[in-house]
Amino acid sequence: MSAKTGHCKIVDCTIRDGGLVNNWDFSVEFVQHLYRTLNEAGVDYMEIGYKNSPKLLKGADAAGPWRFLDDDFLRKVIPQKGGTKLSALVDIGRVDENDILPREESLLDLIRVACYIQDVDKALRLVRLFHDRGYETTLNIMALSNVMEHQLLEAFEEIAESVVDVVYIVDSYGSLLPNDIDQLVEKFRKHLPNKRLGVHMHNNMQMGFANTLLGAQKGVELLDASVYGMGRAAGNCPTELLVANLKNSKYDLRPVLDMIENYMIPLREKEEWGYIIPYMITGMLDEHPRSAMALRNTPDKDKAVDFYDKLTTPEVLHDK
């Protein structure tokens, strides 16, 4: 590989993004084993869930505890922290700031704020709050492939003046190709020269790893991934591929293979994620995968031609 990637840090999102697959129904044993695995493998961060507030969330009762991390619960799950830092994600409008302890009282090191482009101002207010409480922070702008140029430029002005540590390029629909990533990294670099960058890629078109590696080669620092690629719909860049391929790194693949063998393969037999044709079609069309996810829950789950026709032929929609 031509470019050095020793500056990179892996953020493993298996529990947080993978939870979108199984409604965060991970056992404590599973999460503890993953945390041990990531420490042994030298992975930098483990995103252990969302820090959203149950009272602001529909369906909170049915979701596993990783959907709204409670600090006391977290201390029981991880009584002893290792070298792998802990991260959580929050969504705009779904977090009560009173639920966020000062960093010195929490096991979390990093809080990431996800938003759509129209809510960047609200996201940055949350970022300021978390920053003031001592946390590392990131801003993750979702659905970048659908953002207009002028919206992005306006957002850059606000972001450049904010306290946020890292700004993420997020391929929400798995629709971006390496050329797009190349251009986006250049654009973010140009307009946010004082910010570190991160990438979060989805694998609808088998580009999750390639796009993440390209970001790394272009100086992006935080790389999101998940073990065995577990994540919503087509999933994410696989952690094991980054651990195996990042150069000048301290990473060790063997513990991750153990996690896959003993936990992820049995889980994959019960839950579905990864590269599947309907997800490829929504990625290609730059659309949210919700229609493909719905299809996969029907008896017609593999009828790709019909699905493709429905999404690409307006007349078909009217006839049915």
Protein backbone atom coordinates (compact mmCIF):
# COMPACT_ATOMS: atom_id res chain seq x y z
CA MET A 1 0.00 0.00 0.00
CA SER A 2 1.46 3.31 -1.03
CA ALA A 3 0.37 5.68 1.75
CA LYS A 4 1.14 5.36 5.42
CA THR A 5 -1.82 4.76 7.71
CA GLY A 6 -0.11 4.84 11.09
CA HIS A 7 -2.11 7.95 12.05
CA CYS A 8 -5.40 6.03 11.90
CA LYS A 9 -7.59 4.95 14.77
CA ILE A 10 -10.33 2.32 14.45
CA VAL A 11 -13.76 2.98 15.98
CA ASP A 12 -15.53 -0.37 16.26
CA CYS A 13 -19.32 0.14 15.98
CA THR A 14 -20.44 -3.49 16.25
CA ILE A 15 -22.73 -2.94 19.24
CA ARG A 16 -24.12 0.46 18.22
CA ASP A 17 -24.61 -0.01 14.46
CA GLY A 18 -24.98 -3.79 14.69
CA GLY A 19 -27.77 -3.18 17.19
CA LEU A 20 -29.86 -1.82 14.33
CA VAL A 21 -29.93 -5.43 13.07
CA ASN A 22 -31.08 -7.18 16.28
CA ASN A 23 -32.69 -4.32 18.23
CA TRP A 24 -29.59 -4.17 20.48
CA ASP A 25 -30.32 -7.64 21.84
CA PHE A 26 -26.70 -8.43 22.75
CA SER A 27 -25.96 -10.37 25.92
CA VAL A 28 -23.66 -8.84 28.51
CA GLU A 29 -21.30 -11.75 27.87
CA PHE A 30 -21.19 -10.91 24.14
CA VAL A 31 -20.36 -7.25 24.82
CA GLN A 32 -17.76 -8.10 27.47
CA HIS A 33 -16.08 -10.57 25.13
CA LEU A 34 -16.06 -8.02 22.33
CA TYR A 35 -14.48 -5.42 24.60
CA ARG A 36 -11.75 -7.90 25.62
CA THR A 37 -11.25 -8.77 21.95
CA LEU A 38 -10.86 -5.15 20.88
CA ASN A 39 -8.39 -4.49 23.69
CA GLU A 40 -6.31 -7.52 22.71
CA ALA A 41 -6.47 -6.52 19.05
CA GLY A 42 -5.34 -2.97 19.85
CA VAL A 43 -8.50 -1.34 18.47
CA ASP A 44 -8.71 2.27 19.63
CA TYR A 45 -12.42 2.80 20.36
CA MET A 46 -15.46 0.64 20.99
CA GLU A 47 -18.80 2.32 20.37
CA ILE A 48 -20.79 0.47 22.99
CA GLY A 49 -24.18 1.89 22.03
CA TYR A 50 -26.35 4.99 21.95
CA LYS A 51 -26.58 7.49 24.81
CA ASN A 52 -30.12 8.47 23.85
CA SER A 53 -32.72 8.86 26.59
CA PRO A 54 -35.46 6.18 26.88
CA LYS A 55 -38.17 8.76 27.61
CA LEU A 56 -37.45 10.49 24.29
CA LEU A 57 -37.44 7.28 22.29
CA LYS A 58 -40.29 5.31 20.75
CA GLY A 59 -40.06 1.58 21.37
CA ALA A 60 -37.46 1.97 24.12
CA ASP A 61 -39.08 -0.78 26.19
CA ALA A 62 -38.50 -3.36 23.46
CA ALA A 63 -34.88 -2.40 22.73
CA GLY A 64 -31.80 -3.80 24.41
CA PRO A 65 -29.91 -1.67 26.97
CA TRP A 66 -27.27 -0.63 24.43
CA ARG A 67 -29.89 1.66 22.83
CA PHE A 68 -29.68 4.12 25.75
CA LEU A 69 -26.63 3.44 27.85
CA ASP A 70 -27.08 3.86 31.58
CA ASP A 71 -23.87 4.77 33.38
CA ASP A 72 -24.45 2.45 36.34
CA PHE A 73 -25.22 -0.45 34.00
CA LEU A 74 -22.09 0.29 31.99
CA ARG A 75 -19.92 0.16 35.09
CA LYS A 76 -21.26 -3.32 35.84
CA VAL A 77 -20.62 -4.49 32.28
CA ILE A 78 -17.09 -3.08 32.18
CA PRO A 79 -15.76 -3.03 35.74
CA GLN A 80 -12.21 -2.61 34.46
CA LYS A 81 -11.37 -0.46 31.45
CA GLY A 82 -8.53 -1.42 29.15
CA GLY A 83 -6.69 0.58 26.52
CA THR A 84 -9.68 0.65 24.19
CA LYS A 85 -11.66 3.85 24.77
CA LEU A 86 -15.45 3.81 24.94
CA SER A 87 -17.72 5.79 22.65
CA ALA A 88 -21.47 6.41 22.39
CA LEU A 89 -23.61 8.07 19.72
CA VAL A 90 -26.51 10.45 20.27
CA ASP A 91 -29.21 11.66 17.89
CA ILE A 92 -30.58 15.19 17.86
CA GLY A 93 -33.80 15.43 19.86
CA ARG A 94 -33.33 12.01 21.48
CA VAL A 95 -30.93 12.87 24.27
CA ASP A 96 -31.62 14.56 27.59
CA GLU A 97 -28.54 16.56 28.51
CA ASN A 98 -29.20 15.79 32.19
CA ASP A 99 -28.43 12.14 31.42
CA ILE A 100 -24.86 13.01 30.42
CA LEU A 101 -22.49 12.89 33.37
CA PRO A 102 -19.22 14.82 33.41
CA ARG A 103 -16.53 12.72 31.75
CA GLU A 104 -14.65 12.06 34.98
CA GLU A 105 -17.78 10.34 36.36
CA SER A 106 -18.48 8.31 33.21
CA LEU A 107 -16.82 5.34 31.50
CA LEU A 108 -17.31 7.05 28.13
CA ASP A 109 -14.46 8.94 26.50
CA LEU A 110 -16.05 10.00 23.21
CA ILE A 111 -19.58 11.17 22.43
CA ARG A 112 -20.52 11.44 18.78
CA VAL A 113 -23.44 13.52 17.55
CA ALA A 114 -25.30 12.37 14.43
CA CYS A 115 -27.46 14.79 12.47
CA TYR A 116 -28.77 15.67 9.04
CA ILE A 117 -27.43 18.78 7.36
CA GLN A 118 -30.39 20.98 8.37
CA ASP A 119 -29.69 20.28 12.06
CA VAL A 120 -25.97 21.06 12.18
CA ASP A 121 -26.61 24.06 14.42
CA LYS A 122 -28.50 21.90 16.95
CA ALA A 123 -25.81 19.23 16.75
CA LEU A 124 -23.06 21.74 17.45
CA ARG A 125 -24.90 22.98 20.52
CA LEU A 126 -24.85 19.40 21.85
CA VAL A 127 -21.19 19.07 20.87
CA ARG A 128 -20.40 22.19 22.92
CA LEU A 129 -22.23 20.71 25.91
CA PHE A 130 -20.33 17.40 25.71
CA HIS A 131 -17.05 19.22 25.10
CA ASP A 132 -17.63 21.36 28.18
CA ARG A 133 -18.25 18.19 30.20
CA GLY A 134 -14.84 16.90 29.15
CA TYR A 135 -15.59 14.45 26.32
CA GLU A 136 -13.92 14.00 22.99
CA THR A 137 -16.52 14.86 20.33
CA THR A 138 -17.38 14.16 16.73
CA LEU A 139 -20.02 15.49 14.35
CA ASN A 140 -21.43 12.89 11.95
CA ILE A 141 -23.38 14.47 9.09
CA MET A 142 -25.60 11.76 7.68
CA ALA A 143 -26.78 11.21 4.10
CA LEU A 144 -24.02 13.34 2.60
CA SER A 145 -24.81 12.01 -0.86
CA ASN A 146 -28.13 13.91 -0.71
CA VAL A 147 -26.70 17.23 0.53
CA MET A 148 -26.66 20.27 -1.76
CA GLU A 149 -23.37 22.11 -2.21
CA HIS A 150 -24.60 25.39 -0.71
CA GLN A 151 -25.93 23.56 2.37
CA LEU A 152 -22.56 21.94 2.94
CA LEU A 153 -20.66 25.21 2.54
CA GLU A 154 -22.94 26.96 5.04
CA ALA A 155 -22.48 24.08 7.49
CA PHE A 156 -18.69 24.23 7.07
CA GLU A 157 -18.67 27.85 8.28
CA GLU A 158 -20.41 26.87 11.52
CA ILE A 159 -18.35 23.72 12.00
CA ALA A 160 -15.02 25.50 11.47
CA GLU A 161 -15.78 27.85 14.37
CA SER A 162 -17.07 25.10 16.67
CA VAL A 163 -15.22 23.12 19.34
CA VAL A 164 -15.87 19.73 17.67
CA ASP A 165 -12.76 17.53 17.49
CA VAL A 166 -13.56 15.30 14.50
CA VAL A 167 -15.94 15.73 11.55
CA TYR A 168 -17.23 12.61 9.81
CA ILE A 169 -17.87 11.85 6.17
CA VAL A 170 -20.81 9.42 6.35
CA ASP A 171 -21.95 7.29 3.41
CA SER A 172 -25.40 6.58 4.85
CA TYR A 173 -26.80 4.85 1.77
CA GLY A 174 -23.64 2.99 0.71
CA SER A 175 -23.87 4.85 -2.59
CA LEU A 176 -20.46 6.53 -2.74
CA LEU A 177 -17.58 5.34 -4.91
CA PRO A 178 -13.86 5.94 -4.29
CA ASN A 179 -13.87 8.97 -6.57
CA ASP A 180 -16.64 10.52 -4.45
CA ILE A 181 -14.69 9.85 -1.26
CA ASP A 182 -11.59 11.38 -2.83
CA GLN A 183 -13.49 14.58 -3.64
CA LEU A 184 -15.31 14.74 -0.30
CA VAL A 185 -12.11 14.36 1.74
CA GLU A 186 -10.50 17.12 -0.33
CA LYS A 187 -13.54 19.37 0.19
CA PHE A 188 -13.71 18.76 3.95
CA ARG A 189 -9.96 19.33 4.20
CA LYS A 190 -10.16 22.61 2.29
CA HIS A 191 -13.04 24.06 4.30
CA LEU A 192 -12.17 22.55 7.70
CA PRO A 193 -8.36 22.76 7.84
CA ASN A 194 -8.45 22.92 11.65
CA LYS A 195 -10.50 19.72 12.11
CA ARG A 196 -9.59 16.04 12.15
CA LEU A 197 -11.70 13.83 9.89
CA GLY A 198 -13.46 10.48 10.19
CA VAL A 199 -15.26 8.15 7.77
CA HIS A 200 -18.27 5.86 8.25
CA MET A 201 -18.92 3.70 5.19
CA HIS A 202 -21.66 1.22 4.33
CA ASN A 203 -21.20 -1.82 2.16
CA ASN A 204 -24.18 -1.77 -0.21
CA MET A 205 -21.93 -1.80 -3.27
CA GLN A 206 -18.99 -3.69 -1.71
CA MET A 207 -17.14 -0.37 -1.26
CA GLY A 208 -17.09 -0.13 2.53
CA PHE A 209 -13.50 -1.31 2.94
CA ALA A 210 -12.12 0.33 -0.22
CA ASN A 211 -13.64 3.71 0.66
CA THR A 212 -12.40 3.50 4.26
CA LEU A 213 -8.89 2.58 3.13
CA LEU A 214 -8.87 5.46 0.66
CA GLY A 215 -9.89 7.83 3.43
CA ALA A 216 -7.05 6.49 5.57
CA GLN A 217 -4.55 7.00 2.77
CA LYS A 218 -5.76 10.58 2.40
CA GLY A 219 -5.11 11.34 6.06
CA VAL A 220 -8.51 10.63 7.62
CA GLU A 221 -7.89 9.68 11.23
CA LEU A 222 -10.97 7.93 12.67
CA LEU A 223 -12.16 4.89 10.73
CA ASP A 224 -15.52 3.35 11.63
CA ALA A 225 -15.89 -0.41 11.26
CA SER A 226 -17.67 -3.39 12.79
CA VAL A 227 -16.65 -6.99 13.39
CA TYR A 228 -17.76 -9.19 10.47
CA GLY A 229 -19.26 -6.02 8.98
CA MET A 230 -22.33 -6.19 11.26
CA GLY A 231 -24.55 -3.16 10.78
CA ARG A 232 -27.87 -2.01 9.43
CA ALA A 233 -28.80 -3.55 6.06
CA ALA A 234 -25.60 -4.03 4.04
CA GLY A 235 -23.46 -3.38 7.09
CA ASN A 236 -20.16 -1.57 7.47
CA CYS A 237 -16.49 -1.80 6.71
CA PRO A 238 -15.31 -4.96 8.53
CA THR A 239 -13.06 -4.32 11.54
CA GLU A 240 -11.01 -7.42 10.73
CA LEU A 241 -10.07 -6.03 7.30
CA LEU A 242 -8.77 -2.80 8.80
CA VAL A 243 -6.91 -4.64 11.58
CA ALA A 244 -5.30 -6.89 8.95
CA ASN A 245 -4.46 -4.20 6.40
CA LEU A 246 -3.59 -0.92 8.07
CA LYS A 247 0.15 -0.45 7.80
CA ASN A 248 2.49 0.85 10.53
CA SER A 249 -0.06 -0.34 13.00
CA LYS A 250 -0.15 -2.01 16.38
CA TYR A 251 -3.18 -4.14 15.53
CA ASP A 252 -3.46 -7.90 16.06
CA LEU A 253 -5.90 -9.88 13.92
CA ARG A 254 -6.03 -13.13 15.90
CA PRO A 255 -8.39 -11.97 18.71
CA VAL A 256 -10.85 -10.60 16.13
CA LEU A 257 -10.90 -13.94 14.30
CA ASP A 258 -11.71 -15.61 17.62
CA MET A 259 -14.64 -13.20 18.14
CA ILE A 260 -15.93 -13.96 14.65
CA GLU A 261 -15.60 -17.72 15.05
CA ASN A 262 -17.26 -17.95 18.45
CA TYR A 263 -19.82 -15.15 18.38
CA MET A 264 -20.38 -13.51 14.99
CA ILE A 265 -20.85 -16.61 12.82
CA PRO A 266 -23.51 -18.09 15.14
CA LEU A 267 -25.20 -14.66 15.26
CA ARG A 268 -25.11 -14.36 11.47
CA GLU A 269 -27.09 -17.60 11.24
CA LYS A 270 -29.93 -15.91 13.17
CA GLU A 271 -29.69 -12.33 11.89
CA GLU A 272 -29.12 -11.00 8.39
CA TRP A 273 -26.74 -8.24 7.35
CA GLY A 274 -24.15 -7.66 4.66
CA TYR A 275 -23.95 -7.40 0.89
CA ILE A 276 -27.28 -8.59 -0.56
CA ILE A 277 -28.71 -7.63 -3.95
CA PRO A 278 -31.66 -5.47 -2.78
CA TYR A 279 -29.22 -3.40 -0.70
CA MET A 280 -26.96 -3.11 -3.73
CA ILE A 281 -29.92 -1.73 -5.71
CA THR A 282 -30.79 0.93 -3.12
CA GLY A 283 -27.10 1.86 -2.86
CA MET A 284 -26.79 2.18 -6.61
CA LEU A 285 -29.91 4.41 -6.67
CA ASP A 286 -28.62 6.48 -3.72
CA GLU A 287 -31.65 5.65 -1.60
CA HIS A 288 -32.18 4.79 2.05
CA PRO A 289 -32.20 0.96 2.42
CA ARG A 290 -35.58 0.90 4.20
CA SER A 291 -37.42 -0.41 1.11
CA ALA A 292 -34.88 -3.23 0.72
CA MET A 293 -35.06 -4.01 4.45
CA ALA A 294 -38.85 -4.28 4.14
CA LEU A 295 -38.49 -6.57 1.12
CA ARG A 296 -36.13 -8.89 3.01
CA ASN A 297 -38.93 -9.49 5.54
CA THR A 298 -41.34 -10.83 2.90
CA PRO A 299 -41.62 -14.12 0.99
CA ASP A 300 -40.44 -12.20 -2.12
CA LYS A 301 -37.15 -11.27 -0.46
CA ASP A 302 -35.00 -12.49 -3.39
CA LYS A 303 -37.14 -11.16 -6.25
CA ALA A 304 -34.55 -8.62 -7.30
CA VAL A 305 -35.90 -7.87 -10.79
CA ASP A 306 -39.34 -6.93 -9.50
CA PHE A 307 -37.79 -4.82 -6.74
CA TYR A 308 -35.50 -3.08 -9.23
CA ASP A 309 -38.46 -2.37 -11.55
CA LYS A 310 -40.51 -0.92 -8.71
CA LEU A 311 -37.72 1.47 -7.77
CA THR A 312 -36.79 2.52 -11.31
CA THR A 313 -40.10 2.51 -13.22
CA PRO A 314 -42.57 5.18 -12.05
CA GLU A 315 -45.45 3.62 -14.04
CA VAL A 316 -45.15 0.36 -12.12
CA LEU A 317 -45.85 2.24 -8.89
CA HIS A 318 -49.13 3.57 -10.28
CA ASP A 319 -50.29 0.27 -11.69
CA LYS A 320 -50.05 -1.65 -8.43
